[in-house]
N, C-alpha and C. Protein backbone atom coordinates (compact mmCIF):
# COMPACT_ATOMS: atom_id res chain seq x y z
N MET A 1 0.83 -1.18 0.00
CA MET A 1 0.00 0.00 -0.01
C MET A 1 0.87 1.24 0.02
N GLU A 2 0.95 1.82 -1.13
CA GLU A 2 1.80 3.01 -1.28
C GLU A 2 1.19 4.22 -0.57
N TYR A 3 -0.14 4.29 -0.56
CA TYR A 3 -0.77 5.48 0.04
C TYR A 3 -1.46 5.14 1.36
N GLY A 4 -1.03 4.10 2.02
CA GLY A 4 -1.66 3.68 3.27
C GLY A 4 -1.59 4.74 4.35
N TYR A 5 -0.43 5.37 4.48
CA TYR A 5 -0.28 6.42 5.50
C TYR A 5 -1.25 7.58 5.26
N SER A 6 -1.34 7.99 4.03
CA SER A 6 -2.19 9.13 3.68
C SER A 6 -3.65 8.77 3.90
N ILE A 7 -4.04 7.56 3.59
CA ILE A 7 -5.43 7.15 3.80
C ILE A 7 -5.73 7.10 5.30
N LEU A 8 -4.85 6.54 6.08
CA LEU A 8 -5.08 6.44 7.51
C LEU A 8 -5.12 7.84 8.16
N MET A 9 -4.23 8.69 7.81
CA MET A 9 -4.25 10.05 8.39
C MET A 9 -5.49 10.84 7.92
N GLY A 10 -5.90 10.63 6.68
CA GLY A 10 -7.11 11.28 6.18
C GLY A 10 -8.32 10.80 6.93
N LEU A 11 -8.43 9.51 7.16
CA LEU A 11 -9.60 8.98 7.93
C LEU A 11 -9.60 9.48 9.37
N PHE A 12 -8.42 9.53 9.99
CA PHE A 12 -8.31 10.05 11.32
C PHE A 12 -8.73 11.53 11.41
N SER A 13 -8.32 12.28 10.42
CA SER A 13 -8.71 13.70 10.37
C SER A 13 -10.20 13.86 10.19
N VAL A 14 -10.79 13.06 9.33
CA VAL A 14 -12.22 13.12 9.10
C VAL A 14 -12.99 12.74 10.39
N ALA A 15 -12.51 11.71 11.11
CA ALA A 15 -13.15 11.33 12.35
C ALA A 15 -13.09 12.44 13.38
N LEU A 16 -11.97 13.12 13.50
CA LEU A 16 -11.88 14.24 14.42
C LEU A 16 -12.77 15.41 14.01
N LEU A 17 -12.87 15.66 12.71
CA LEU A 17 -13.72 16.74 12.25
C LEU A 17 -15.23 16.41 12.49
N ILE A 18 -15.59 15.14 12.35
CA ILE A 18 -16.98 14.77 12.65
C ILE A 18 -17.26 14.97 14.12
N TYR A 19 -16.33 14.58 15.01
CA TYR A 19 -16.50 14.76 16.43
C TYR A 19 -16.60 16.25 16.78
N ALA A 20 -15.74 17.08 16.15
CA ALA A 20 -15.81 18.52 16.39
C ALA A 20 -17.13 19.11 15.92
N ALA A 21 -17.62 18.64 14.78
CA ALA A 21 -18.92 19.14 14.30
C ALA A 21 -20.05 18.71 15.25
N LEU A 22 -19.97 17.51 15.75
CA LEU A 22 -21.00 17.02 16.69
C LEU A 22 -20.97 17.86 17.97
N MET A 23 -19.78 18.21 18.45
CA MET A 23 -19.68 19.03 19.64
C MET A 23 -20.20 20.44 19.36
N ALA A 24 -19.92 20.98 18.20
CA ALA A 24 -20.33 22.33 17.86
C ALA A 24 -21.85 22.42 17.70
N VAL A 25 -22.47 21.40 17.10
CA VAL A 25 -23.88 21.46 16.82
C VAL A 25 -24.67 21.21 18.10
N THR A 26 -24.31 20.19 18.85
CA THR A 26 -25.10 19.84 20.06
C THR A 26 -24.77 20.72 21.24
N ARG A 27 -23.47 21.07 21.39
CA ARG A 27 -22.98 21.80 22.53
C ARG A 27 -23.36 21.13 23.85
N ASP A 28 -23.43 19.81 23.82
CA ASP A 28 -23.81 19.00 24.98
C ASP A 28 -22.51 18.62 25.73
N TYR A 29 -22.43 19.03 26.98
CA TYR A 29 -21.24 18.80 27.77
C TYR A 29 -21.08 17.29 28.06
N ASN A 30 -22.14 16.54 28.03
CA ASN A 30 -22.10 15.10 28.34
C ASN A 30 -21.51 14.28 27.18
N ILE A 31 -21.20 14.88 26.05
CA ILE A 31 -20.60 14.18 24.95
C ILE A 31 -19.11 13.91 25.21
N LEU A 32 -18.55 14.62 26.16
CA LEU A 32 -17.15 14.42 26.53
C LEU A 32 -17.01 13.12 27.31
N PRO A 33 -15.85 12.50 27.26
CA PRO A 33 -15.64 11.33 28.12
C PRO A 33 -15.71 11.70 29.61
N TYR A 34 -16.09 10.74 30.42
CA TYR A 34 -16.31 11.03 31.85
C TYR A 34 -15.08 11.59 32.51
N ARG A 35 -13.90 11.08 32.19
CA ARG A 35 -12.68 11.61 32.83
C ARG A 35 -12.47 13.08 32.49
N ALA A 36 -12.86 13.52 31.32
CA ALA A 36 -12.73 14.92 30.97
C ALA A 36 -13.78 15.78 31.66
N GLN A 37 -14.95 15.20 31.88
CA GLN A 37 -16.05 15.94 32.54
C GLN A 37 -15.71 16.24 34.02
N ILE A 38 -15.08 15.31 34.72
CA ILE A 38 -14.81 15.55 36.13
C ILE A 38 -13.60 16.42 36.35
N SER A 39 -12.74 16.56 35.35
CA SER A 39 -11.53 17.40 35.51
C SER A 39 -11.77 18.87 35.26
N VAL A 40 -12.84 19.17 34.50
CA VAL A 40 -13.15 20.56 34.19
C VAL A 40 -14.62 20.80 34.50
N SER A 41 -14.89 21.85 35.20
CA SER A 41 -16.31 22.25 35.44
C SER A 41 -16.46 23.70 35.04
N PRO A 42 -16.75 23.97 33.78
CA PRO A 42 -16.83 25.35 33.27
C PRO A 42 -18.06 26.06 33.78
N LYS A 43 -17.98 27.39 33.83
CA LYS A 43 -19.16 28.19 34.24
C LYS A 43 -20.22 28.15 33.19
N ASP A 44 -19.79 28.22 31.91
CA ASP A 44 -20.75 28.18 30.78
C ASP A 44 -20.41 26.96 29.92
N PRO A 45 -21.05 25.82 30.15
CA PRO A 45 -20.71 24.62 29.41
C PRO A 45 -20.94 24.75 27.88
N GLU A 46 -21.93 25.51 27.44
CA GLU A 46 -22.17 25.66 26.02
C GLU A 46 -21.07 26.41 25.32
N LEU A 47 -20.60 27.47 25.93
CA LEU A 47 -19.48 28.25 25.37
C LEU A 47 -18.23 27.38 25.40
N TYR A 48 -18.04 26.64 26.46
CA TYR A 48 -16.89 25.74 26.55
C TYR A 48 -16.88 24.71 25.44
N MET A 49 -18.05 24.11 25.16
CA MET A 49 -18.11 23.11 24.08
C MET A 49 -17.91 23.75 22.70
N ALA A 50 -18.37 24.97 22.54
CA ALA A 50 -18.16 25.67 21.24
C ALA A 50 -16.66 25.91 21.01
N ARG A 51 -16.00 26.38 22.05
CA ARG A 51 -14.55 26.63 21.91
C ARG A 51 -13.76 25.35 21.78
N LEU A 52 -14.19 24.33 22.54
CA LEU A 52 -13.48 23.04 22.45
C LEU A 52 -13.64 22.43 21.05
N SER A 53 -14.81 22.61 20.45
CA SER A 53 -14.99 22.09 19.09
C SER A 53 -14.08 22.80 18.09
N GLU A 54 -13.87 24.06 18.29
CA GLU A 54 -12.90 24.79 17.46
C GLU A 54 -11.50 24.20 17.60
N CYS A 55 -11.13 23.91 18.83
CA CYS A 55 -9.80 23.37 19.11
C CYS A 55 -9.63 21.99 18.49
N VAL A 56 -10.65 21.14 18.60
CA VAL A 56 -10.57 19.80 18.02
C VAL A 56 -10.49 19.89 16.49
N ALA A 57 -11.21 20.82 15.91
CA ALA A 57 -11.15 21.02 14.48
C ALA A 57 -9.76 21.52 14.06
N LEU A 58 -9.14 22.35 14.84
CA LEU A 58 -7.79 22.80 14.52
C LEU A 58 -6.80 21.64 14.62
N ILE A 59 -6.92 20.83 15.63
CA ILE A 59 -6.05 19.69 15.79
C ILE A 59 -6.21 18.71 14.62
N ALA A 60 -7.41 18.63 14.09
CA ALA A 60 -7.67 17.74 12.95
C ALA A 60 -6.96 18.19 11.67
N LEU A 61 -6.53 19.43 11.64
CA LEU A 61 -5.80 19.93 10.48
C LEU A 61 -4.42 19.32 10.37
N ALA A 62 -3.80 18.97 11.47
CA ALA A 62 -2.46 18.40 11.45
C ALA A 62 -2.40 17.08 10.68
N PRO A 63 -3.27 16.10 10.99
CA PRO A 63 -3.20 14.86 10.18
C PRO A 63 -3.66 15.06 8.75
N ALA A 64 -4.55 16.04 8.55
CA ALA A 64 -5.01 16.30 7.18
C ALA A 64 -3.85 16.84 6.34
N LEU A 65 -3.10 17.78 6.88
CA LEU A 65 -1.95 18.28 6.14
C LEU A 65 -0.91 17.20 5.93
N SER A 66 -0.72 16.38 6.95
CA SER A 66 0.24 15.29 6.87
C SER A 66 -0.17 14.26 5.80
N ALA A 67 -1.48 14.00 5.71
CA ALA A 67 -2.00 13.11 4.68
C ALA A 67 -1.71 13.63 3.28
N LEU A 68 -1.91 14.91 3.08
CA LEU A 68 -1.65 15.50 1.78
C LEU A 68 -0.17 15.46 1.42
N ILE A 69 0.67 15.77 2.39
CA ILE A 69 2.11 15.77 2.09
C ILE A 69 2.59 14.31 1.99
N GLY A 70 1.94 13.39 2.67
CA GLY A 70 2.31 11.97 2.60
C GLY A 70 2.17 11.39 1.21
N LEU A 71 1.36 12.00 0.39
CA LEU A 71 1.24 11.55 -1.00
C LEU A 71 2.53 11.84 -1.77
N TRP A 72 3.28 12.80 -1.31
CA TRP A 72 4.48 13.24 -1.95
C TRP A 72 5.72 12.61 -1.32
N ASN A 73 5.84 12.74 0.03
CA ASN A 73 7.05 12.29 0.76
C ASN A 73 6.67 11.93 2.17
N LYS A 74 6.86 10.68 2.56
CA LYS A 74 6.43 10.22 3.90
C LYS A 74 7.28 10.77 5.04
N PRO A 75 8.60 10.84 4.95
CA PRO A 75 9.36 11.41 6.07
C PRO A 75 9.01 12.89 6.33
N VAL A 76 8.78 13.62 5.27
CA VAL A 76 8.39 15.01 5.47
C VAL A 76 6.99 15.09 6.09
N ALA A 77 6.14 14.14 5.74
CA ALA A 77 4.77 14.10 6.30
C ALA A 77 4.80 13.87 7.80
N LEU A 78 5.72 13.02 8.26
CA LEU A 78 5.84 12.83 9.71
C LEU A 78 6.32 14.07 10.42
N VAL A 79 7.21 14.80 9.83
CA VAL A 79 7.67 16.06 10.41
C VAL A 79 6.53 17.06 10.44
N VAL A 80 5.74 17.14 9.37
CA VAL A 80 4.61 18.04 9.34
C VAL A 80 3.58 17.66 10.38
N LEU A 81 3.38 16.35 10.56
CA LEU A 81 2.40 15.90 11.59
C LEU A 81 2.82 16.35 12.97
N VAL A 82 4.07 16.13 13.35
CA VAL A 82 4.53 16.52 14.69
C VAL A 82 4.53 18.04 14.85
N ALA A 83 5.03 18.74 13.86
CA ALA A 83 5.07 20.21 13.91
C ALA A 83 3.63 20.79 13.94
N GLY A 84 2.74 20.19 13.14
CA GLY A 84 1.37 20.65 13.12
C GLY A 84 0.65 20.45 14.43
N ILE A 85 0.87 19.26 15.05
CA ILE A 85 0.23 19.00 16.34
C ILE A 85 0.75 19.99 17.38
N VAL A 86 2.05 20.23 17.40
CA VAL A 86 2.61 21.18 18.38
C VAL A 86 2.03 22.57 18.15
N PHE A 87 2.00 23.03 16.90
CA PHE A 87 1.52 24.36 16.60
C PHE A 87 0.03 24.49 16.96
N PHE A 88 -0.78 23.50 16.52
CA PHE A 88 -2.22 23.61 16.74
C PHE A 88 -2.59 23.42 18.21
N LEU A 89 -1.82 22.64 18.97
CA LEU A 89 -2.05 22.56 20.41
C LEU A 89 -1.71 23.93 21.08
N TRP A 90 -0.65 24.55 20.66
CA TRP A 90 -0.31 25.87 21.22
C TRP A 90 -1.44 26.86 20.90
N LEU A 91 -1.94 26.83 19.66
CA LEU A 91 -3.05 27.70 19.30
C LEU A 91 -4.31 27.38 20.08
N SER A 92 -4.57 26.13 20.31
CA SER A 92 -5.76 25.72 21.07
C SER A 92 -5.67 26.17 22.51
N VAL A 93 -4.49 26.12 23.10
CA VAL A 93 -4.32 26.60 24.47
C VAL A 93 -4.61 28.09 24.53
N ARG A 94 -4.22 28.84 23.53
CA ARG A 94 -4.52 30.29 23.46
C ARG A 94 -6.03 30.53 23.35
N ILE A 95 -6.72 29.67 22.62
CA ILE A 95 -8.15 29.82 22.44
C ILE A 95 -8.89 29.49 23.77
N MET A 96 -8.45 28.45 24.46
CA MET A 96 -9.12 28.02 25.68
C MET A 96 -8.60 28.69 26.95
N GLN A 97 -7.80 29.70 26.79
CA GLN A 97 -7.15 30.35 27.92
C GLN A 97 -8.14 30.95 28.92
N ASP A 98 -9.33 31.35 28.52
CA ASP A 98 -10.30 31.93 29.39
C ASP A 98 -10.87 30.96 30.42
N PHE A 99 -10.73 29.69 30.12
CA PHE A 99 -11.33 28.65 30.97
C PHE A 99 -10.36 28.12 32.02
N TYR A 100 -9.10 28.58 32.01
CA TYR A 100 -8.13 28.05 32.96
C TYR A 100 -7.87 29.04 34.07
């Protein structure tokens, strides 16, 4: 499978985007795993879920970019995946800063 890495990363990115869309549409705090629910108790759960869905969608961009670059060069795709995750996590922390 020459394009196995790109297919896997693309599917993972789509799964994260579907989860982010589900969080954004429902804004239901109970959609989070139980361990995440007990560690954070936000004042406004709907706003928290809206912002968290933005962060999950941003994180989903890293494997999507890696999948596209993986069609061209796999070692570069791994570097893009790690760098993208680091950058998008940093950006997500900045977005969620009001809740900490």
